[in-house]
Amino acid sequence: MSAGTDQLRVVYDDQQLIHNHSAWSFVPWHSLAGVTNRSITKKAKYRWQRGVPTLGPTREELEETSRRFDTKYLLAIMNSTVARDYLRANRRSNLHLYPDDWKQLPVPDIPPAEQAHIVEAVDHILDSCHEADATAHEAALDDLVKELYVRA
């Protein structure tokens, strides 16, 4: 992403749109359960897979961890000023953002019942995206996300 973090926007796609090399897709590990292509296997392997073990968590662990987070909850986190500030301070390039920069973003691990409040706010914004200005809703959501990090 050559755009600066100020223009950064993470969008939700439930229509499975196809995009080109200029966009990145973030897919929860549990959505990839059972997929064993080479690029995924380079990052993590199932316990049953042979070969040189990868460092870090297994596929089973990554899939289980990803099930704890609602996708729209992650969308709120990734679009927050907290994430923007974190990426600005911790990315490896002043010009670009890379997937590995995102992987380091700390995400508050809260129960699904608490995530539901954030998800509801995201749904409200997504449902009203035809409105000319959702700025007030987005600011309120950003405040909810900031509060999660203050509590952490």
Protein backbone atom coordinates (compact mmCIF):
# COMPACT_ATOMS: atom_id res chain seq x y z
CA MET A 1 0.00 0.00 0.00
CA SER A 2 1.78 3.10 -1.12
CA ALA A 3 -0.86 5.40 0.31
CA GLY A 4 0.04 6.76 3.70
CA THR A 5 -1.66 5.56 6.83
CA ASP A 6 -3.85 8.69 6.80
CA GLN A 7 -5.70 7.43 3.73
CA LEU A 8 -5.82 3.85 4.96
CA ARG A 9 -9.21 2.15 4.72
CA VAL A 10 -10.03 -1.48 5.40
CA VAL A 11 -13.28 -2.61 3.78
CA TYR A 12 -15.62 -5.50 4.39
CA ASP A 13 -16.43 -7.73 1.41
CA ASP A 14 -19.10 -10.38 1.79
CA GLN A 15 -19.64 -10.62 -1.98
CA GLN A 16 -16.30 -12.34 -2.73
CA LEU A 17 -15.28 -9.72 -5.25
CA ILE A 18 -12.16 -10.29 -7.27
CA HIS A 19 -9.45 -7.68 -7.11
CA ASN A 20 -6.05 -7.13 -8.64
CA HIS A 21 -2.55 -6.83 -7.21
CA SER A 22 -3.21 -3.33 -5.84
CA ALA A 23 -5.48 -4.62 -3.07
CA TRP A 24 -4.86 -7.05 -0.24
CA SER A 25 -7.27 -9.54 1.21
CA PHE A 26 -7.30 -10.57 4.82
CA VAL A 27 -8.94 -13.94 5.38
CA PRO A 28 -9.39 -15.54 8.80
CA TRP A 29 -7.40 -18.72 9.23
CA HIS A 30 -10.53 -20.72 10.02
CA SER A 31 -11.96 -19.79 6.61
CA LEU A 32 -8.96 -21.55 5.07
CA ALA A 33 -9.41 -24.75 7.09
CA GLY A 34 -8.27 -27.71 5.01
CA VAL A 35 -6.58 -25.62 2.31
CA THR A 36 -3.00 -26.82 1.95
CA ASN A 37 -1.44 -24.92 -0.94
CA ARG A 38 2.25 -24.06 -0.89
CA SER A 39 1.98 -20.39 0.03
CA ILE A 40 -0.13 -21.18 3.09
CA THR A 41 2.01 -24.15 4.08
CA LYS A 42 5.08 -21.88 4.07
CA LYS A 43 3.50 -19.90 6.92
CA ALA A 44 1.93 -22.65 8.98
CA LYS A 45 1.41 -26.40 8.80
CA TYR A 46 -1.06 -28.81 10.27
CA ARG A 47 0.43 -31.16 12.83
CA TRP A 48 -0.07 -34.09 10.43
CA GLN A 49 1.89 -32.50 7.57
CA ARG A 50 5.37 -33.83 6.97
CA GLY A 51 8.50 -31.86 6.22
CA VAL A 52 10.46 -29.22 8.04
CA PRO A 53 8.34 -27.84 10.87
CA THR A 54 7.53 -24.15 10.70
CA LEU A 55 8.34 -21.87 13.58
CA GLY A 56 5.40 -20.52 15.45
CA PRO A 57 1.89 -21.80 15.88
CA THR A 58 0.38 -24.71 13.97
CA ARG A 59 -2.53 -24.33 11.56
CA GLU A 60 -4.84 -25.83 14.16
CA GLU A 61 -3.82 -23.15 16.67
CA LEU A 62 -4.19 -20.32 14.14
CA GLU A 63 -7.61 -21.55 13.06
CA GLU A 64 -8.78 -21.81 16.67
CA THR A 65 -7.47 -18.35 17.51
CA SER A 66 -9.16 -16.80 14.48
CA ARG A 67 -12.52 -18.28 15.52
CA ARG A 68 -12.42 -16.08 18.64
CA PHE A 69 -12.69 -12.89 16.58
CA ASP A 70 -15.69 -11.71 14.56
CA THR A 71 -14.56 -10.38 11.17
CA LYS A 72 -16.47 -7.13 11.65
CA TYR A 73 -14.86 -6.70 15.06
CA LEU A 74 -11.47 -6.95 13.35
CA LEU A 75 -12.67 -4.47 10.71
CA ALA A 76 -13.38 -1.95 13.46
CA ILE A 77 -9.97 -2.52 15.02
CA MET A 78 -8.15 -2.24 11.68
CA ASN A 79 -9.91 1.03 10.77
CA SER A 80 -9.34 2.62 14.16
CA THR A 81 -7.03 5.51 14.94
CA VAL A 82 -5.33 3.15 17.40
CA ALA A 83 -4.36 0.84 14.51
CA ARG A 84 -3.38 3.78 12.33
CA ASP A 85 -1.10 5.17 15.06
CA TYR A 86 0.36 1.73 15.76
CA LEU A 87 1.14 1.11 12.09
CA ARG A 88 2.61 4.56 11.67
CA ALA A 89 4.99 3.88 14.57
CA ASN A 90 5.79 0.22 13.85
CA ARG A 91 5.78 -0.41 10.12
CA ARG A 92 8.99 -1.43 8.45
CA SER A 93 8.80 1.15 5.64
CA ASN A 94 7.93 4.82 5.57
CA LEU A 95 6.36 4.40 2.13
CA HIS A 96 4.47 1.13 2.26
CA LEU A 97 2.44 -1.07 4.56
CA TYR A 98 3.02 -4.78 4.34
CA PRO A 99 0.93 -7.74 5.54
CA ASP A 100 3.57 -8.51 8.16
CA ASP A 101 3.04 -5.00 9.60
CA TRP A 102 -0.64 -5.84 10.13
CA LYS A 103 0.17 -9.20 11.70
CA GLN A 104 1.89 -7.43 14.60
CA LEU A 105 -1.15 -5.26 15.42
CA PRO A 106 -2.29 -6.12 18.95
CA VAL A 107 -6.00 -6.96 19.03
CA PRO A 108 -7.92 -6.90 22.32
CA ASP A 109 -9.08 -10.47 22.96
CA ILE A 110 -12.54 -9.87 24.38
CA PRO A 111 -15.46 -12.31 24.67
CA PRO A 112 -17.95 -12.59 21.79
CA ALA A 113 -20.65 -10.87 23.85
CA GLU A 114 -18.44 -7.77 24.13
CA GLN A 115 -17.47 -7.96 20.46
CA ALA A 116 -21.17 -7.94 19.57
CA HIS A 117 -21.51 -4.28 20.59
CA ILE A 118 -18.69 -3.32 18.22
CA VAL A 119 -20.09 -5.56 15.45
CA GLU A 120 -23.48 -3.89 15.84
CA ALA A 121 -21.87 -0.47 15.35
CA VAL A 122 -20.02 -1.75 12.25
CA ASP A 123 -23.28 -3.17 10.86
CA HIS A 124 -24.95 0.19 11.39
CA ILE A 125 -22.21 1.92 9.41
CA LEU A 126 -22.29 -0.70 6.65
CA ASP A 127 -26.08 -0.52 6.44
CA SER A 128 -26.01 3.25 6.20
CA CYS A 129 -23.11 3.51 3.76
CA HIS A 130 -25.49 5.15 1.29
CA GLU A 131 -25.65 8.12 3.66
CA ALA A 132 -23.50 11.01 2.51
CA ASP A 133 -21.63 11.28 5.77
CA ALA A 134 -21.06 8.47 8.25
CA THR A 135 -18.32 10.41 10.02
CA ALA A 136 -20.20 10.74 13.31
CA HIS A 137 -20.91 6.99 13.42
CA GLU A 138 -17.31 6.18 12.56
CA ALA A 139 -16.05 8.53 15.29
CA ALA A 140 -18.32 6.88 17.86
CA LEU A 141 -17.06 3.45 16.79
CA ASP A 142 -13.48 4.66 17.03
CA ASP A 143 -14.16 5.77 20.61
CA LEU A 144 -15.46 2.27 21.44
CA VAL A 145 -12.28 0.74 20.04
CA LYS A 146 -10.04 3.19 21.90
CA GLU A 147 -11.78 2.22 25.13
CA LEU A 148 -10.84 -1.45 24.52
CA TYR A 149 -7.17 -0.52 24.41
CA VAL A 150 -7.43 1.66 27.51
CA ARG A 151 -8.91 -1.31 29.42
CA ALA A 152 -6.25 -3.72 28.15
